[in-house]
């Protein structure tokens, strides 16, 4: 499921909880905000994973760097794929 679809589900759930509906323009604005928040969360999670890899593999810095590089590559690919699904 792409970020946009997830964002629309969140908006629908929020509208149901608030017993109100949004206009199409407001829905698009809120969806963009949610998508941005999701991207930032993904980036933060990847950074935390990289930091954990460096911390647990401190004695073997080469391995820590390889793990960090792979996490960043996977994160970049994920963001690119999700963005292309819009």
N, C-alpha and C. Protein backbone atom coordinates (compact mmCIF):
# COMPACT_ATOMS: atom_id res chain seq x y z
N UNK A 1 0.85 -1.17 0.00
CA UNK A 1 0.00 0.00 0.00
C UNK A 1 0.91 1.24 0.00
N UNK A 2 0.63 2.18 -0.88
CA UNK A 2 1.47 3.37 -0.97
C UNK A 2 1.11 4.39 0.12
N UNK A 3 1.96 5.40 0.26
CA UNK A 3 1.76 6.40 1.30
C UNK A 3 0.45 7.16 1.12
N UNK A 4 0.10 7.45 -0.10
CA UNK A 4 -1.12 8.22 -0.36
C UNK A 4 -2.35 7.45 0.13
N UNK A 5 -2.40 6.16 -0.18
CA UNK A 5 -3.53 5.34 0.25
C UNK A 5 -3.59 5.27 1.77
N UNK A 6 -2.43 5.10 2.40
CA UNK A 6 -2.38 5.07 3.86
C UNK A 6 -2.86 6.41 4.43
N UNK A 7 -2.43 7.50 3.83
CA UNK A 7 -2.83 8.82 4.29
C UNK A 7 -4.34 8.99 4.18
N UNK A 8 -4.93 8.53 3.08
CA UNK A 8 -6.37 8.64 2.89
C UNK A 8 -7.14 7.82 3.91
N UNK A 9 -6.60 6.66 4.28
CA UNK A 9 -7.22 5.84 5.32
C UNK A 9 -7.19 6.57 6.66
N UNK A 10 -6.06 7.20 6.97
CA UNK A 10 -5.93 7.96 8.21
C UNK A 10 -6.94 9.11 8.22
N UNK A 11 -7.05 9.82 7.10
CA UNK A 11 -8.01 10.93 7.01
C UNK A 11 -9.43 10.42 7.22
N UNK A 12 -9.78 9.32 6.58
CA UNK A 12 -11.12 8.75 6.73
C UNK A 12 -11.39 8.40 8.20
N UNK A 13 -10.41 7.76 8.84
CA UNK A 13 -10.56 7.40 10.25
C UNK A 13 -10.73 8.64 11.13
N UNK A 14 -9.96 9.68 10.84
CA UNK A 14 -10.06 10.93 11.60
C UNK A 14 -11.44 11.58 11.40
N UNK A 15 -11.91 11.60 10.17
CA UNK A 15 -13.22 12.19 9.89
C UNK A 15 -14.32 11.42 10.60
N UNK A 16 -14.22 10.11 10.61
CA UNK A 16 -15.22 9.31 11.31
C UNK A 16 -15.18 9.60 12.81
N UNK A 17 -13.97 9.72 13.36
CA UNK A 17 -13.83 10.00 14.79
C UNK A 17 -14.37 11.39 15.13
N UNK A 18 -14.23 12.34 14.21
CA UNK A 18 -14.68 13.71 14.44
C UNK A 18 -16.09 13.95 13.94
N UNK A 19 -16.67 12.95 13.31
CA UNK A 19 -18.02 13.06 12.73
C UNK A 19 -18.13 14.23 11.75
N UNK A 20 -17.14 14.37 10.89
CA UNK A 20 -17.17 15.42 9.87
C UNK A 20 -16.48 14.92 8.61
N UNK A 21 -16.66 15.67 7.52
CA UNK A 21 -16.02 15.34 6.26
C UNK A 21 -15.21 16.53 5.79
N UNK A 22 -14.16 16.24 5.00
CA UNK A 22 -13.32 17.29 4.44
C UNK A 22 -13.62 17.46 2.96
N UNK A 23 -13.39 18.67 2.47
CA UNK A 23 -13.52 18.90 1.03
C UNK A 23 -12.37 18.17 0.33
N UNK A 24 -12.47 18.04 -0.97
CA UNK A 24 -11.40 17.37 -1.72
C UNK A 24 -10.08 18.13 -1.56
N UNK A 25 -10.15 19.46 -1.59
CA UNK A 25 -8.94 20.27 -1.44
C UNK A 25 -8.32 20.06 -0.06
N UNK A 26 -9.16 20.07 0.98
CA UNK A 26 -8.65 19.85 2.33
C UNK A 26 -8.08 18.44 2.49
N UNK A 27 -8.75 17.46 1.86
CA UNK A 27 -8.26 16.08 1.91
C UNK A 27 -6.88 15.99 1.28
N UNK A 28 -6.69 16.65 0.13
CA UNK A 28 -5.38 16.63 -0.53
C UNK A 28 -4.31 17.30 0.33
N UNK A 29 -4.66 18.40 0.98
CA UNK A 29 -3.70 19.11 1.84
C UNK A 29 -3.31 18.24 3.02
N UNK A 30 -4.30 17.65 3.67
CA UNK A 30 -4.02 16.81 4.84
C UNK A 30 -3.25 15.56 4.42
N UNK A 31 -3.58 14.98 3.28
CA UNK A 31 -2.87 13.79 2.79
C UNK A 31 -1.40 14.11 2.55
N UNK A 32 -1.12 15.27 1.98
CA UNK A 32 0.27 15.68 1.75
C UNK A 32 1.02 15.83 3.07
N UNK A 33 0.36 16.37 4.07
CA UNK A 33 0.99 16.52 5.39
C UNK A 33 1.29 15.14 6.00
N UNK A 34 0.34 14.23 5.88
CA UNK A 34 0.55 12.88 6.42
C UNK A 34 1.66 12.16 5.67
N UNK A 35 1.67 12.28 4.34
CA UNK A 35 2.73 11.66 3.55
C UNK A 35 4.11 12.18 3.98
N UNK A 36 4.21 13.48 4.15
CA UNK A 36 5.48 14.09 4.57
C UNK A 36 5.90 13.54 5.93
N UNK A 37 4.96 13.43 6.85
CA UNK A 37 5.26 12.90 8.19
C UNK A 37 5.72 11.45 8.11
N UNK A 38 5.10 10.67 7.23
CA UNK A 38 5.51 9.27 7.06
C UNK A 38 6.92 9.18 6.51
N UNK A 39 7.23 10.01 5.51
CA UNK A 39 8.59 10.01 4.94
C UNK A 39 9.62 10.36 6.00
N UNK A 40 9.31 11.39 6.79
CA UNK A 40 10.23 11.79 7.85
C UNK A 40 10.40 10.68 8.87
N UNK A 41 9.34 9.96 9.18
CA UNK A 41 9.42 8.85 10.13
C UNK A 41 10.28 7.72 9.57
N UNK A 42 10.13 7.44 8.28
CA UNK A 42 10.94 6.40 7.64
C UNK A 42 12.41 6.79 7.68
N UNK A 43 12.71 8.05 7.36
CA UNK A 43 14.09 8.51 7.39
C UNK A 43 14.67 8.44 8.80
N UNK A 44 13.88 8.83 9.79
CA UNK A 44 14.34 8.79 11.18
C UNK A 44 14.60 7.35 11.62
N UNK A 45 13.73 6.44 11.23
CA UNK A 45 13.91 5.03 11.58
C UNK A 45 15.18 4.47 10.95
N UNK A 46 15.43 4.85 9.70
CA UNK A 46 16.65 4.39 9.02
C UNK A 46 17.88 4.94 9.71
N UNK A 47 17.83 6.19 10.13
CA UNK A 47 18.97 6.80 10.83
C UNK A 47 19.21 6.10 12.17
N UNK A 48 18.13 5.80 12.88
CA UNK A 48 18.26 5.09 14.15
C UNK A 48 18.85 3.70 13.94
N UNK A 49 18.44 3.03 12.87
CA UNK A 49 18.99 1.71 12.55
C UNK A 49 20.48 1.81 12.24
N UNK A 50 20.86 2.84 11.50
CA UNK A 50 22.27 3.05 11.18
C UNK A 50 23.08 3.30 12.45
N UNK A 51 22.53 4.11 13.34
CA UNK A 51 23.22 4.39 14.60
C UNK A 51 23.36 3.12 15.43
N UNK A 52 22.32 2.29 15.45
CA UNK A 52 22.38 1.03 16.19
C UNK A 52 23.44 0.11 15.59
N UNK A 53 23.52 0.09 14.26
CA UNK A 53 24.53 -0.76 13.60
C UNK A 53 25.93 -0.30 13.98
N UNK A 54 26.13 1.01 14.00
CA UNK A 54 27.46 1.52 14.40
C UNK A 54 27.75 1.21 15.85
N UNK A 55 26.75 1.29 16.70
CA UNK A 55 26.95 1.04 18.13
C UNK A 55 27.26 -0.43 18.41
N UNK A 56 26.54 -1.33 17.76
CA UNK A 56 26.75 -2.76 18.04
C UNK A 56 27.97 -3.32 17.32
N UNK A 57 28.40 -2.68 16.27
CA UNK A 57 29.55 -3.16 15.51
C UNK A 57 30.73 -2.21 15.64
N UNK A 58 30.79 -1.51 16.76
CA UNK A 58 31.84 -0.50 16.96
C UNK A 58 33.24 -1.04 16.78
N UNK A 59 33.46 -2.28 17.21
CA UNK A 59 34.80 -2.86 17.10
C UNK A 59 35.15 -3.16 15.65
N UNK A 60 34.17 -3.43 14.85
CA UNK A 60 34.39 -3.73 13.43
C UNK A 60 33.75 -2.62 12.61
N UNK A 61 34.44 -1.49 12.52
CA UNK A 61 33.89 -0.32 11.85
C UNK A 61 33.55 -0.57 10.39
N UNK A 62 34.32 -1.40 9.72
CA UNK A 62 34.04 -1.68 8.32
C UNK A 62 32.66 -2.32 8.18
N UNK A 63 32.36 -3.27 9.05
CA UNK A 63 31.06 -3.93 9.01
C UNK A 63 29.96 -2.92 9.32
N UNK A 64 30.18 -2.07 10.30
CA UNK A 64 29.17 -1.06 10.67
C UNK A 64 28.90 -0.14 9.49
N UNK A 65 29.95 0.27 8.79
CA UNK A 65 29.77 1.15 7.63
C UNK A 65 29.01 0.43 6.51
N UNK A 66 29.32 -0.86 6.31
CA UNK A 66 28.61 -1.61 5.28
C UNK A 66 27.12 -1.73 5.61
N UNK A 67 26.82 -2.01 6.88
CA UNK A 67 25.43 -2.13 7.29
C UNK A 67 24.73 -0.78 7.12
N UNK A 68 25.38 0.29 7.56
CA UNK A 68 24.82 1.63 7.44
C UNK A 68 24.55 1.98 5.98
N UNK A 69 25.51 1.68 5.10
CA UNK A 69 25.33 1.96 3.68
C UNK A 69 24.14 1.18 3.10
N UNK A 70 24.01 -0.08 3.50
CA UNK A 70 22.90 -0.89 2.98
C UNK A 70 21.55 -0.37 3.49
N UNK A 71 21.51 0.07 4.74
CA UNK A 71 20.27 0.63 5.28
C UNK A 71 19.91 1.89 4.51
N UNK A 72 20.88 2.76 4.27
CA UNK A 72 20.60 4.00 3.54
C UNK A 72 20.16 3.72 2.11
N UNK A 73 20.80 2.74 1.45
CA UNK A 73 20.41 2.39 0.09
C UNK A 73 18.98 1.87 0.05
N UNK A 74 18.64 1.00 1.01
CA UNK A 74 17.28 0.46 1.08
C UNK A 74 16.28 1.56 1.35
N UNK A 75 16.63 2.49 2.23
CA UNK A 75 15.75 3.60 2.55
C UNK A 75 15.53 4.49 1.33
N UNK A 76 16.59 4.78 0.60
CA UNK A 76 16.48 5.61 -0.61
C UNK A 76 15.59 4.92 -1.64
N UNK A 77 15.77 3.62 -1.81
CA UNK A 77 14.95 2.87 -2.76
C UNK A 77 13.48 2.88 -2.32
N UNK A 78 13.25 2.70 -1.03
CA UNK A 78 11.88 2.71 -0.52
C UNK A 78 11.20 4.05 -0.76
N UNK A 79 11.88 5.13 -0.43
CA UNK A 79 11.31 6.46 -0.64
C UNK A 79 11.03 6.70 -2.12
N UNK A 80 11.97 6.32 -2.98
CA UNK A 80 11.78 6.49 -4.43
C UNK A 80 10.58 5.70 -4.93
N UNK A 81 10.46 4.45 -4.48
CA UNK A 81 9.35 3.60 -4.91
C UNK A 81 8.02 4.16 -4.41
N UNK A 82 7.98 4.58 -3.16
CA UNK A 82 6.73 5.12 -2.61
C UNK A 82 6.35 6.42 -3.31
N UNK A 83 7.33 7.24 -3.60
CA UNK A 83 7.05 8.51 -4.27
C UNK A 83 6.54 8.29 -5.69
N UNK A 84 7.05 7.27 -6.35
CA UNK A 84 6.62 7.02 -7.73
C UNK A 84 5.19 6.47 -7.79
N UNK A 85 4.68 5.98 -6.68
CA UNK A 85 3.34 5.42 -6.66
C UNK A 85 2.26 6.47 -6.54
N UNK A 86 2.63 7.72 -6.33
CA UNK A 86 1.63 8.77 -6.17
C UNK A 86 0.83 8.91 -7.38
